[in-house]
Amino acid sequence: MIIFWTGKGFFVPVIGFLALMMTKSVSSSVSGNERYYAENGWVILIGMLCAAAVTYWLHTFLSKRSEETVVDAETGEKTTVKLSHSFMVIPVKWWPVVFIAIGVIFLFAL
C-alpha cells in the first residue's frame, strides 16, 4: 500500500482543492462568465495564494502541537516524539511554496 501522507498531511490537497473551487465560484459569479476562471491565470494565482496562506497557518498550528511525550511501560522512561506531517513526501511547511509556484506557473501559462 502506498501512503501519500503522514500525520495531518491529508489536509494539503483538501485545502488546495477548496481554495480553487471557491476562487472559481467567486470569479464566475463576479464576472458572469463561466470560462473566466479557465482563461485568466491570475485567478488561479489568487486561489493558490489563498491555499498557501491556509497551509502556512496549518503548519504553524501543527508545529505547536507536534511533540508528544511517550512513557515506556517497562522502564518508566519518558521520551519525546516529534510527529511529522507531509503530503507526497513533501513536508507541510513547504507546501505554501509549492502552491505559490503552481500559481505563478498558471499565471504565465494562461
PDB file of N, CA and C in Angstrom:
ATOM      1  N   MET A   1       0.840  -1.181   0.000  1.00  0.00           N
ATOM      2  CA  MET A   1       0.000   0.000   0.000  1.00  0.00           C
ATOM      3  C   MET A   1       0.880   1.238   0.000  1.00  0.00           C
ATOM      4  N   ILE A   2       0.577   2.167  -0.873  1.00  0.00           N
ATOM      5  CA  ILE A   2       1.336   3.410  -0.967  1.00  0.00           C
ATOM      6  C   ILE A   2       0.653   4.455  -0.094  1.00  0.00           C
ATOM      7  N   ILE A   3       1.435   5.069   0.789  1.00  0.00           N
ATOM      8  CA  ILE A   3       0.908   6.111   1.657  1.00  0.00           C
ATOM      9  C   ILE A   3       1.380   7.449   1.118  1.00  0.00           C
ATOM     10  N   PHE A   4       0.444   8.329   0.816  1.00  0.00           N
ATOM     11  CA  PHE A   4       0.777   9.619   0.244  1.00  0.00           C
ATOM     12  C   PHE A   4       0.933  10.701   1.293  1.00  0.00           C
ATOM     13  N   TRP A   5       0.561  10.439   2.530  1.00  0.00           N
ATOM     14  CA  TRP A   5       0.689  11.470   3.547  1.00  0.00           C
ATOM     15  C   TRP A   5       1.092  10.846   4.875  1.00  0.00           C
ATOM     16  N   THR A   6       1.639  11.681   5.726  1.00  0.00           N
ATOM     17  CA  THR A   6       1.906  11.288   7.101  1.00  0.00           C
ATOM     18  C   THR A   6       1.269  12.332   8.000  1.00  0.00           C
ATOM     19  N   GLY A   7       0.829  11.911   9.157  1.00  0.00           N
ATOM     20  CA  GLY A   7       0.207  12.830  10.096  1.00  0.00           C
ATOM     21  C   GLY A   7      -1.028  13.496   9.514  1.00  0.00           C
ATOM     22  N   LYS A   8      -1.061  14.806   9.596  1.00  0.00           N
ATOM     23  CA  LYS A   8      -2.194  15.587   9.085  1.00  0.00           C
ATOM     24  C   LYS A   8      -1.951  16.114   7.676  1.00  0.00           C
ATOM     25  N   GLY A   9      -1.060  15.499   6.937  1.00  0.00           N
ATOM     26  CA  GLY A   9      -0.732  15.935   5.590  1.00  0.00           C
ATOM     27  C   GLY A   9      -1.870  15.809   4.595  1.00  0.00           C
ATOM     28  N   PHE A  10      -2.881  14.998   4.921  1.00  0.00           N
ATOM     29  CA  PHE A  10      -4.012  14.840   4.004  1.00  0.00           C
ATOM     30  C   PHE A  10      -4.807  16.131   3.860  1.00  0.00           C
ATOM     31  N   PHE A  11      -4.606  17.103   4.748  1.00  0.00           N
ATOM     32  CA  PHE A  11      -5.303  18.382   4.631  1.00  0.00           C
ATOM     33  C   PHE A  11      -4.771  19.226   3.468  1.00  0.00           C
ATOM     34  N   VAL A  12      -3.553  18.984   3.017  1.00  0.00           N
ATOM     35  CA  VAL A  12      -2.940  19.796   1.960  1.00  0.00           C
ATOM     36  C   VAL A  12      -3.747  19.757   0.666  1.00  0.00           C
ATOM     37  N   PRO A  13      -4.061  18.581   0.098  1.00  0.00           N
ATOM     38  CA  PRO A  13      -4.851  18.604  -1.137  1.00  0.00           C
ATOM     39  C   PRO A  13      -6.276  19.108  -0.921  1.00  0.00           C
ATOM     40  N   VAL A  14      -6.812  18.884   0.257  1.00  0.00           N
ATOM     41  CA  VAL A  14      -8.160  19.376   0.568  1.00  0.00           C
ATOM     42  C   VAL A  14      -8.167  20.904   0.540  1.00  0.00           C
ATOM     43  N   ILE A  15      -7.162  21.511   1.146  1.00  0.00           N
ATOM     44  CA  ILE A  15      -7.055  22.969   1.167  1.00  0.00           C
ATOM     45  C   ILE A  15      -6.888  23.504  -0.247  1.00  0.00           C
ATOM     46  N   GLY A  16      -6.009  22.896  -1.026  1.00  0.00           N
ATOM     47  CA  GLY A  16      -5.794  23.342  -2.400  1.00  0.00           C
ATOM     48  C   GLY A  16      -7.051  23.231  -3.248  1.00  0.00           C
ATOM     49  N   PHE A  17      -7.749  22.110  -3.123  1.00  0.00           N
ATOM     50  CA  PHE A  17      -8.970  21.905  -3.898  1.00  0.00           C
ATOM     51  C   PHE A  17     -10.050  22.910  -3.510  1.00  0.00           C
ATOM     52  N   LEU A  18     -10.258  23.083  -2.211  1.00  0.00           N
ATOM     53  CA  LEU A  18     -11.294  24.024  -1.758  1.00  0.00           C
ATOM     54  C   LEU A  18     -10.974  25.466  -2.148  1.00  0.00           C
ATOM     55  N   ALA A  19      -9.696  25.843  -2.075  1.00  0.00           N
ATOM     56  CA  ALA A  19      -9.309  27.205  -2.460  1.00  0.00           C
ATOM     57  C   ALA A  19      -9.581  27.448  -3.942  1.00  0.00           C
ATOM     58  N   LEU A  20      -9.264  26.470  -4.775  1.00  0.00           N
ATOM     59  CA  LEU A  20      -9.510  26.641  -6.211  1.00  0.00           C
ATOM     60  C   LEU A  20     -11.001  26.640  -6.536  1.00  0.00           C
ATOM     61  N   MET A  21     -11.768  25.797  -5.856  1.00  0.00           N
ATOM     62  CA  MET A  21     -13.211  25.762  -6.118  1.00  0.00           C
ATOM     63  C   MET A  21     -13.882  27.062  -5.675  1.00  0.00           C
ATOM     64  N   MET A  22     -13.451  27.608  -4.542  1.00  0.00           N
ATOM     65  CA  MET A  22     -14.013  28.874  -4.083  1.00  0.00           C
ATOM     66  C   MET A  22     -13.624  30.015  -5.026  1.00  0.00           C
ATOM     67  N   THR A  23     -12.380  30.004  -5.487  1.00  0.00           N
ATOM     68  CA  THR A  23     -11.930  31.025  -6.427  1.00  0.00           C
ATOM     69  C   THR A  23     -12.707  30.937  -7.732  1.00  0.00           C
ATOM     70  N   LYS A  24     -12.942  29.725  -8.210  1.00  0.00           N
ATOM     71  CA  LYS A  24     -13.709  29.540  -9.447  1.00  0.00           C
ATOM     72  C   LYS A  24     -15.140  30.039  -9.277  1.00  0.00           C
ATOM     73  N   SER A  25     -15.737  29.707  -8.159  1.00  0.00           N
ATOM     74  CA  SER A  25     -17.111  30.122  -7.901  1.00  0.00           C
ATOM     75  C   SER A  25     -17.228  31.644  -7.833  1.00  0.00           C
ATOM     76  N   VAL A  26     -16.320  32.272  -7.106  1.00  0.00           N
ATOM     77  CA  VAL A  26     -16.371  33.730  -6.959  1.00  0.00           C
ATOM     78  C   VAL A  26     -16.102  34.416  -8.301  1.00  0.00           C
ATOM     79  N   SER A  27     -15.095  33.939  -9.043  1.00  0.00           N
ATOM     80  CA  SER A  27     -14.772  34.590 -10.317  1.00  0.00           C
ATOM     81  C   SER A  27     -15.900  34.419 -11.332  1.00  0.00           C
ATOM     82  N   SER A  28     -16.573  33.281 -11.320  1.00  0.00           N
ATOM     83  CA  SER A  28     -17.686  33.065 -12.244  1.00  0.00           C
ATOM     84  C   SER A  28     -18.876  33.947 -11.902  1.00  0.00           C
ATOM     85  N   SER A  29     -19.149  34.093 -10.607  1.00  0.00           N
ATOM     86  CA  SER A  29     -20.298  34.906 -10.218  1.00  0.00           C
ATOM     87  C   SER A  29     -20.030  36.405 -10.398  1.00  0.00           C
ATOM     88  N   VAL A  30     -18.807  36.843 -10.144  1.00  0.00           N
ATOM     89  CA  VAL A  30     -18.485  38.263 -10.287  1.00  0.00           C
ATOM     90  C   VAL A  30     -18.410  38.660 -11.763  1.00  0.00           C
ATOM     91  N   SER A  31     -17.783  37.828 -12.579  1.00  0.00           N
ATOM     92  CA  SER A  31     -17.612  38.179 -13.991  1.00  0.00           C
ATOM     93  C   SER A  31     -18.829  37.835 -14.838  1.00  0.00           C
ATOM     94  N   GLY A  32     -19.639  36.893 -14.387  1.00  0.00           N
ATOM     95  CA  GLY A  32     -20.779  36.457 -15.182  1.00  0.00           C
ATOM     96  C   GLY A  32     -20.380  35.552 -16.324  1.00  0.00           C
ATOM     97  N   ASN A  33     -19.141  35.081 -16.310  1.00  0.00           N
ATOM     98  CA  ASN A  33     -18.612  34.243 -17.376  1.00  0.00           C
ATOM     99  C   ASN A  33     -18.054  32.966 -16.761  1.00  0.00           C
ATOM    100  N   GLU A  34     -18.596  31.826 -17.137  1.00  0.00           N
ATOM    101  CA  GLU A  34     -18.127  30.541 -16.597  1.00  0.00           C
ATOM    102  C   GLU A  34     -16.699  30.234 -17.030  1.00  0.00           C
ATOM    103  N   ARG A  35     -16.249  30.747 -18.169  1.00  0.00           N
ATOM    104  CA  ARG A  35     -14.920  30.463 -18.694  1.00  0.00           C
ATOM    105  C   ARG A  35     -13.849  31.422 -18.158  1.00  0.00           C
ATOM    106  N   TYR A  36     -14.225  32.415 -17.410  1.00  0.00           N
ATOM    107  CA  TYR A  36     -13.272  33.419 -16.928  1.00  0.00           C
ATOM    108  C   TYR A  36     -12.151  32.778 -16.120  1.00  0.00           C
ATOM    109  N   TYR A  37     -12.490  31.821 -15.292  1.00  0.00           N
ATOM    110  CA  TYR A  37     -11.519  31.132 -14.447  1.00  0.00           C
ATOM    111  C   TYR A  37     -10.485  30.403 -15.301  1.00  0.00           C
ATOM    112  N   ALA A  38     -10.940  29.723 -16.343  1.00  0.00           N
ATOM    113  CA  ALA A  38     -10.043  28.937 -17.187  1.00  0.00           C
ATOM    114  C   ALA A  38      -9.216  29.805 -18.128  1.00  0.00           C
ATOM    115  N   GLU A  39      -9.657  31.021 -18.406  1.00  0.00           N
ATOM    116  CA  GLU A  39      -8.976  31.876 -19.367  1.00  0.00           C
ATOM    117  C   GLU A  39      -8.013  32.874 -18.736  1.00  0.00           C
ATOM    118  N   ASN A  40      -8.057  33.027 -17.425  1.00  0.00           N
ATOM    119  CA  ASN A  40      -7.218  34.015 -16.743  1.00  0.00           C
ATOM    120  C   ASN A  40      -6.404  33.356 -15.636  1.00  0.00           C
ATOM    121  N   GLY A  41      -5.097  33.300 -15.854  1.00  0.00           N
ATOM    122  CA  GLY A  41      -4.212  32.652 -14.901  1.00  0.00           C
ATOM    123  C   GLY A  41      -4.103  33.371 -13.572  1.00  0.00           C
ATOM    124  N   TRP A  42      -4.362  34.677 -13.564  1.00  0.00           N
ATOM    125  CA  TRP A  42      -4.222  35.407 -12.301  1.00  0.00           C
ATOM    126  C   TRP A  42      -5.271  34.967 -11.285  1.00  0.00           C
ATOM    127  N   VAL A  43      -6.411  34.473 -11.762  1.00  0.00           N
ATOM    128  CA  VAL A  43      -7.444  33.991 -10.840  1.00  0.00           C
ATOM    129  C   VAL A  43      -6.956  32.726 -10.132  1.00  0.00           C
ATOM    130  N   ILE A  44      -6.293  31.855 -10.881  1.00  0.00           N
ATOM    131  CA  ILE A  44      -5.733  30.641 -10.284  1.00  0.00           C
ATOM    132  C   ILE A  44      -4.612  31.012  -9.310  1.00  0.00           C
ATOM    133  N   LEU A  45      -3.829  32.025  -9.655  1.00  0.00           N
ATOM    134  CA  LEU A  45      -2.781  32.502  -8.735  1.00  0.00           C
ATOM    135  C   LEU A  45      -3.399  32.966  -7.418  1.00  0.00           C
ATOM    136  N   ILE A  46      -4.505  33.678  -7.472  1.00  0.00           N
ATOM    137  CA  ILE A  46      -5.183  34.129  -6.246  1.00  0.00           C
ATOM    138  C   ILE A  46      -5.618  32.916  -5.417  1.00  0.00           C
ATOM    139  N   GLY A  47      -6.170  31.910  -6.078  1.00  0.00           N
ATOM    140  CA  GLY A  47      -6.577  30.692  -5.372  1.00  0.00           C
ATOM    141  C   GLY A  47      -5.399  29.990  -4.719  1.00  0.00           C
ATOM    142  N   MET A  48      -4.276  29.934  -5.429  1.00  0.00           N
ATOM    143  CA  MET A  48      -3.088  29.281  -4.881  1.00  0.00           C
ATOM    144  C   MET A  48      -2.481  30.091  -3.738  1.00  0.00           C
ATOM    145  N   LEU A  49      -2.573  31.427  -3.821  1.00  0.00           N
ATOM    146  CA  LEU A  49      -2.096  32.250  -2.706  1.00  0.00           C
ATOM    147  C   LEU A  49      -2.954  32.040  -1.465  1.00  0.00           C
ATOM    148  N   CYS A  50      -4.251  31.891  -1.664  1.00  0.00           N
ATOM    149  CA  CYS A  50      -5.144  31.586  -0.533  1.00  0.00           C
ATOM    150  C   CYS A  50      -4.811  30.228   0.058  1.00  0.00           C
ATOM    151  N   ALA A  51      -4.589  29.238  -0.802  1.00  0.00           N
ATOM    152  CA  ALA A  51      -4.219  27.898  -0.327  1.00  0.00           C
ATOM    153  C   ALA A  51      -2.889  27.939   0.418  1.00  0.00           C
ATOM    154  N   ALA A  52      -1.941  28.737  -0.075  1.00  0.00           N
ATOM    155  CA  ALA A  52      -0.647  28.864   0.591  1.00  0.00           C
ATOM    156  C   ALA A  52      -0.804  29.479   1.974  1.00  0.00           C
ATOM    157  N   ALA A  53      -1.658  30.495   2.087  1.00  0.00           N
ATOM    158  CA  ALA A  53      -1.867  31.147   3.391  1.00  0.00           C
ATOM    159  C   ALA A  53      -2.497  30.181   4.394  1.00  0.00           C
ATOM    160  N   VAL A  54      -3.495  29.437   3.959  1.00  0.00           N
ATOM    161  CA  VAL A  54      -4.156  28.491   4.872  1.00  0.00           C
ATOM    162  C   VAL A  54      -3.205  27.351   5.238  1.00  0.00           C
ATOM    163  N   THR A  55      -2.414  26.891   4.272  1.00  0.00           N
ATOM    164  CA  THR A  55      -1.458  25.817   4.550  1.00  0.00           C
ATOM    165  C   THR A  55      -0.365  26.294   5.495  1.00  0.00           C
ATOM    166  N   TYR A  56       0.059  27.543   5.362  1.00  0.00           N
ATOM    167  CA  TYR A  56       1.040  28.097   6.300  1.00  0.00           C
ATOM    168  C   TYR A  56       0.456  28.140   7.706  1.00  0.00           C
ATOM    169  N   TRP A  57      -0.795  28.561   7.815  1.00  0.00           N
ATOM    170  CA  TRP A  57      -1.451  28.561   9.120  1.00  0.00           C
ATOM    171  C   TRP A  57      -1.526  27.141   9.672  1.00  0.00           C
ATOM    172  N   LEU A  58      -1.864  26.171   8.815  1.00  0.00           N
ATOM    173  CA  LEU A  58      -1.927  24.771   9.241  1.00  0.00           C
ATOM    174  C   LEU A  58      -0.574  24.316   9.771  1.00  0.00           C
ATOM    175  N   HIS A  59       0.486  24.671   9.077  1.00  0.00           N
ATOM    176  CA  HIS A  59       1.834  24.289   9.524  1.00  0.00           C
ATOM    177  C   HIS A  59       2.146  24.884  10.892  1.00  0.00           C
ATOM    178  N   THR A  60       1.855  26.170  11.083  1.00  0.00           N
ATOM    179  CA  THR A  60       2.161  26.778  12.379  1.00  0.00           C
ATOM    180  C   THR A  60       1.302  26.166  13.489  1.00  0.00           C
ATOM    181  N   PHE A  61       0.055  25.835  13.171  1.00  0.00           N
ATOM    182  CA  PHE A  61      -0.823  25.200  14.149  1.00  0.00           C
ATOM    183  C   PHE A  61      -0.298  23.807  14.519  1.00  0.00           C
ATOM    184  N   LEU A  62       0.098  23.042  13.515  1.00  0.00           N
ATOM    185  CA  LEU A  62       0.578  21.685  13.766  1.00  0.00           C
ATOM    186  C   LEU A  62       1.943  21.671  14.439  1.00  0.00           C
ATOM    187  N   SER A  63       2.800  22.634  14.131  1.00  0.00           N
ATOM    188  CA  SER A  63       4.132  22.644  14.733  1.00  0.00           C
ATOM    189  C   SER A  63       4.079  22.927  16.227  1.00  0.00           C
ATOM    190  N   LYS A  64       3.046  23.634  16.682  1.00  0.00           N
ATOM    191  CA  LYS A  64       2.895  23.883  18.112  1.00  0.00           C
ATOM    192  C   LYS A  64       2.475  22.619  18.853  1.00  0.00           C
ATOM    193  N   ARG A  65       1.825  21.728  18.152  1.00  0.00           N
ATOM    194  CA  ARG A  65       1.306  20.509  18.775  1.00  0.00           C
ATOM    195  C   ARG A  65       1.945  19.250  18.209  1.00  0.00           C
ATOM    196  N   SER A  66       3.196  19.340  17.729  1.00  0.00           N
ATOM    197  CA  SER A  66       3.800  18.208  17.047  1.00  0.00           C
ATOM    198  C   SER A  66       4.675  17.338  17.937  1.00  0.00           C
ATOM    199  N   GLU A  67       4.796  17.683  19.191  1.00  0.00           N
ATOM    200  CA  GLU A  67       5.589  16.853  20.095  1.00  0.00           C
ATOM    201  C   GLU A  67       4.672  16.107  21.045  1.00  0.00           C
ATOM    202  N   GLU A  68       5.017  14.861  21.268  1.00  0.00           N
ATOM    203  CA  GLU A  68       4.228  14.013  22.147  1.00  0.00           C
ATOM    204  C   GLU A  68       5.177  13.274  23.089  1.00  0.00           C
ATOM    205  N   THR A  69       4.845  13.247  24.355  1.00  0.00           N
ATOM    206  CA  THR A  69       5.664  12.545  25.326  1.00  0.00           C
ATOM    207  C   THR A  69       5.115  11.138  25.525  1.00  0.00           C
ATOM    208  N   VAL A  70       6.004  10.162  25.354  1.00  0.00           N
ATOM    209  CA  VAL A  70       5.624   8.759  25.474  1.00  0.00           C
ATOM    210  C   VAL A  70       6.393   8.166  26.650  1.00  0.00           C
ATOM    211  N   VAL A  71       5.703   7.391  27.467  1.00  0.00           N
ATOM    212  CA  VAL A  71       6.329   6.749  28.619  1.00  0.00           C
ATOM    213  C   VAL A  71       6.450   5.260  28.335  1.00  0.00           C
ATOM    214  N   ASP A  72       7.682   4.735  28.460  1.00  0.00           N
ATOM    215  CA  ASP A  72       7.918   3.304  28.275  1.00  0.00           C
ATOM    216  C   ASP A  72       7.313   2.553  29.451  1.00  0.00           C
ATOM    217  N   ALA A  73       6.481   1.549  29.183  1.00  0.00           N
ATOM    218  CA  ALA A  73       5.762   0.822  30.231  1.00  0.00           C
ATOM    219  C   ALA A  73       6.707   0.013  31.115  1.00  0.00           C
ATOM    220  N   GLU A  74       7.772  -0.511  30.556  1.00  0.00           N
ATOM    221  CA  GLU A  74       8.685  -1.358  31.336  1.00  0.00           C
ATOM    222  C   GLU A  74       9.657  -0.560  32.189  1.00  0.00           C
ATOM    223  N   THR A  75      10.245   0.477  31.605  1.00  0.00           N
ATOM    224  CA  THR A  75      11.280   1.224  32.318  1.00  0.00           C
ATOM    225  C   THR A  75      10.770   2.508  32.954  1.00  0.00           C
ATOM    226  N   GLY A  76       9.642   3.006  32.505  1.00  0.00           N
ATOM    227  CA  GLY A  76       9.117   4.264  33.019  1.00  0.00           C
ATOM    228  C   GLY A  76       9.825   5.483  32.457  1.00  0.00           C
ATOM    229  N   GLU A  77      10.686   5.269  31.464  1.00  0.00           N
ATOM    230  CA  GLU A  77      11.448   6.358  30.862  1.00  0.00           C
ATOM    231  C   GLU A  77      10.557   7.173  29.916  1.00  0.00           C
ATOM    232  N   LYS A  78      10.661   8.498  30.036  1.00  0.00           N
ATOM    233  CA  LYS A  78       9.888   9.394  29.173  1.00  0.00           C
ATOM    234  C   LYS A  78      10.708   9.745  27.941  1.00  0.00           C
ATOM    235  N   THR A  79      10.045   9.708  26.803  1.00  0.00           N
ATOM    236  CA  THR A  79      10.685  10.051  25.534  1.00  0.00           C
ATOM    237  C   THR A  79       9.768  11.008  24.781  1.00  0.00           C
ATOM    238  N   THR A  80      10.363  12.034  24.200  1.00  0.00           N
ATOM    239  CA  THR A  80       9.594  12.980  23.393  1.00  0.00           C
ATOM    240  C   THR A  80       9.690  12.571  21.928  1.00  0.00           C
ATOM    241  N   VAL A  81       8.538  12.401  21.315  1.00  0.00           N
ATOM    242  CA  VAL A  81       8.466  12.001  19.915  1.00  0.00           C
ATOM    243  C   VAL A  81       7.949  13.188  19.111  1.00  0.00           C
ATOM    244  N   LYS A  82       8.660  13.533  18.035  1.00  0.00           N
ATOM    245  CA  LYS A  82       8.228  14.626  17.169  1.00  0.00           C
ATOM    246  C   LYS A  82       7.420  14.032  16.020  1.00  0.00           C
ATOM    247  N   LEU A  83       6.179  14.472  15.896  1.00  0.00           N
ATOM    248  CA  LEU A  83       5.299  13.986  14.844  1.00  0.00           C
ATOM    249  C   LEU A  83       5.587  14.741  13.548  1.00  0.00           C
ATOM    250  N   SER A  84       5.531  14.031  12.424  1.00  0.00           N
ATOM    251  CA  SER A  84       5.770  14.686  11.136  1.00  0.00           C
ATOM    252  C   SER A  84       4.480  14.712  10.320  1.00  0.00           C
ATOM    253  N   HIS A  85       4.330  15.748   9.529  1.00  0.00           N
ATOM    254  CA  HIS A  85       3.158  15.926   8.683  1.00  0.00           C
ATOM    255  C   HIS A  85       3.652  16.228   7.271  1.00  0.00           C
ATOM    256  N   SER A  86       3.282  15.374   6.324  1.00  0.00           N
ATOM    257  CA  SER A  86       3.712  15.590   4.950  1.00  0.00           C
ATOM    258  C   SER A  86       2.664  15.052   3.991  1.00  0.00           C
ATOM    259  N   PHE A  87       2.759  15.529   2.744  1.00  0.00           N
ATOM    260  CA  PHE A  87       1.912  15.035   1.671  1.00  0.00           C
ATOM    261  C   PHE A  87       2.810  14.799   0.466  1.00  0.00           C
ATOM    262  N   MET A  88       2.764  13.609  -0.070  1.00  0.00           N
ATOM    263  CA  MET A  88       3.599  13.210  -1.204  1.00  0.00           C
ATOM    264  C   MET A  88       5.070  13.488  -0.913  1.00  0.00           C
ATOM    265  N   VAL A  89       5.535  13.104   0.230  1.00  0.00           N
ATOM    266  CA  VAL A  89       6.914  13.179   0.700  1.00  0.00           C
ATOM    267  C   VAL A  89       7.375  14.616   0.971  1.00  0.00           C
ATOM    268  N   ILE A  90       6.548  15.597   0.693  1.00  0.00           N
ATOM    269  CA  ILE A  90       6.898  16.997   0.934  1.00  0.00           C
ATOM    270  C   ILE A  90       6.283  17.425   2.265  1.00  0.00           C
ATOM    271  N   PRO A  91       7.105  17.895   3.216  1.00  0.00           N
ATOM    272  CA  PRO A  91       6.555  18.339   4.495  1.00  0.00           C
ATOM    273  C   PRO A  91       5.553  19.481   4.313  1.00  0.00           C
ATOM    274  N   VAL A  92       4.584  19.548   5.218  1.00  0.00           N
ATOM    275  CA  VAL A  92       3.534  20.571   5.140  1.00  0.00           C
ATOM    276  C   VAL A  92       4.131  21.972   5.137  1.00  0.00           C
ATOM    277  N   LYS A  93       5.257  22.172   5.813  1.00  0.00           N
ATOM    278  CA  LYS A  93       5.842  23.511   5.873  1.00  0.00           C
ATOM    279  C   LYS A  93       6.308  24.008   4.511  1.00  0.00           C
ATOM    280  N   TRP A  94       6.550  23.117   3.547  1.00  0.00           N
ATOM    281  CA  TRP A  94       6.990  23.535   2.215  1.00  0.00           C
ATOM    282  C   TRP A  94       5.856  23.653   1.208  1.00  0.00           C
ATOM    283  N   TRP A  95       4.654  23.210   1.552  1.00  0.00           N
ATOM    284  CA  TRP A  95       3.543  23.275   0.602  1.00  0.00           C
ATOM    285  C   TRP A  95       3.100  24.692   0.254  1.00  0.00           C
ATOM    286  N   PRO A  96       3.214  25.684   1.132  1.00  0.00           N
ATOM    287  CA  PRO A  96       2.900  27.047   0.679  1.00  0.00           C
ATOM    288  C   PRO A  96       3.777  27.488  -0.495  1.00  0.00           C
ATOM    289  N   VAL A  97       5.049  27.116  -0.467  1.00  0.00           N
ATOM    290  CA  VAL A  97       5.954  27.451  -1.568  1.00  0.00           C
ATOM    291  C   VAL A  97       5.511  26.737  -2.843  1.00  0.00           C
ATOM    292  N   VAL A  98       5.115  25.471  -2.715  1.00  0.00           N
ATOM    293  CA  VAL A  98       4.651  24.701  -3.874  1.00  0.00           C
ATOM    294  C   VAL A  98       3.382  25.336  -4.447  1.00  0.00           C
ATOM    295  N   PHE A  99       2.439  25.706  -3.586  1.00  0.00           N
ATOM    296  CA  PHE A  99       1.206  26.332  -4.061  1.00  0.00           C
ATOM    297  C   PHE A  99       1.501  27.647  -4.794  1.00  0.00           C
ATOM    298  N   ILE A 100       2.398  28.459  -4.260  1.00  0.00           N
ATOM    299  CA  ILE A 100       2.747  29.724  -4.915  1.00  0.00           C
ATOM    300  C   ILE A 100       3.402  29.455  -6.267  1.00  0.00           C
ATOM    301  N   ALA A 101       4.289  28.463  -6.332  1.00  0.00           N
ATOM    302  CA  ALA A 101       4.941  28.122  -7.598  1.00  0.00           C
ATOM    303  C   ALA A 101       3.919  27.661  -8.634  1.00  0.00           C
ATOM    304  N   ILE A 102       2.961  26.852  -8.228  1.00  0.00           N
ATOM    305  CA  ILE A 102       1.911  26.405  -9.145  1.00  0.00           C
ATOM    306  C   ILE A 102       1.104  27.604  -9.647  1.00  0.00           C
ATOM    307  N   GLY A 103       0.768  28.528  -8.757  1.00  0.00           N
ATOM    308  CA  GLY A 103       0.027  29.719  -9.150  1.00  0.00           C
ATOM    309  C   GLY A 103       0.796  30.577 -10.141  1.00  0.00           C
ATOM    310  N   VAL A 104       2.095  30.750  -9.928  1.00  0.00           N
ATOM    311  CA  VAL A 104       2.909  31.544 -10.847  1.00  0.00           C
ATOM    312  C   VAL A 104       3.001  30.861 -12.204  1.00  0.00           C
ATOM    313  N   ILE A 105       3.130  29.551 -12.205  1.00  0.00           N
ATOM    314  CA  ILE A 105       3.166  28.808 -13.468  1.00  0.00           C
ATOM    315  C   ILE A 105       1.880  29.041 -14.248  1.00  0.00           C
ATOM    316  N   PHE A 106       0.737  28.942 -13.587  1.00  0.00           N
ATOM    317  CA  PHE A 106      -0.547  29.177 -14.270  1.00  0.00           C
ATOM    318  C   PHE A 106      -0.707  30.631 -14.696  1.00  0.00           C
ATOM    319  N   LEU A 107      -0.124  31.547 -13.946  1.00  0.00           N
ATOM    320  CA  LEU A 107      -0.196  32.963 -14.316  1.00  0.00           C
ATOM    321  C   LEU A 107       0.440  33.197 -15.686  1.00  0.00           C
ATOM    322  N   PHE A 108       1.581  32.567 -15.915  1.00  0.00           N
ATOM    323  CA  PHE A 108       2.287  32.774 -17.178  1.00  0.00           C
ATOM    324  C   PHE A 108       1.868  31.785 -18.257  1.00  0.00           C
ATOM    325  N   ALA A 109       1.256  30.670 -17.887  1.00  0.00           N
ATOM    326  CA  ALA A 109       0.862  29.656 -18.876  1.00  0.00           C
ATOM    327  C   ALA A 109      -0.457  30.009 -19.565  1.00  0.00           C
ATOM    328  N   LEU A 110      -1.339  30.720 -18.873  1.00  0.00           N
ATOM    329  CA  LEU A 110      -2.644  31.038 -19.482  1.00  0.00           C
ATOM    330  C   LEU A 110      -2.681  32.448 -20.023  1.00  0.00           C
TER     331      LEU A 110
END
